[in-house]
Amino acid sequence: MNAMTPKSGLFLGGCCITAIAAVGSVFELASGQPDLGNLNTAVILAVSIPATVLLFIAAVRNANSE
């Protein structure tokens, strides 16, 4: 069984933060009047979704390589 490394933990922590940002952005955009404006919230959403996926993949690969 593979143990989680500190580096994997950092990747997973970043993954959680970006996933929370994505969900928050969806709710803000669905409300009709986002606090940061439509453009800024859409940019946060567009960046956070791929970042979440990439950070998760990096965490899994790092844990498997150790």
Foldseek 3Di string as FASTA:
>chain_A
DFDFDVLLVVLVVLLVVLVVLLVVLVVQVVVVHHPVGDVVSVVSNVVSVVSNVVSNVVSVVVRVVD
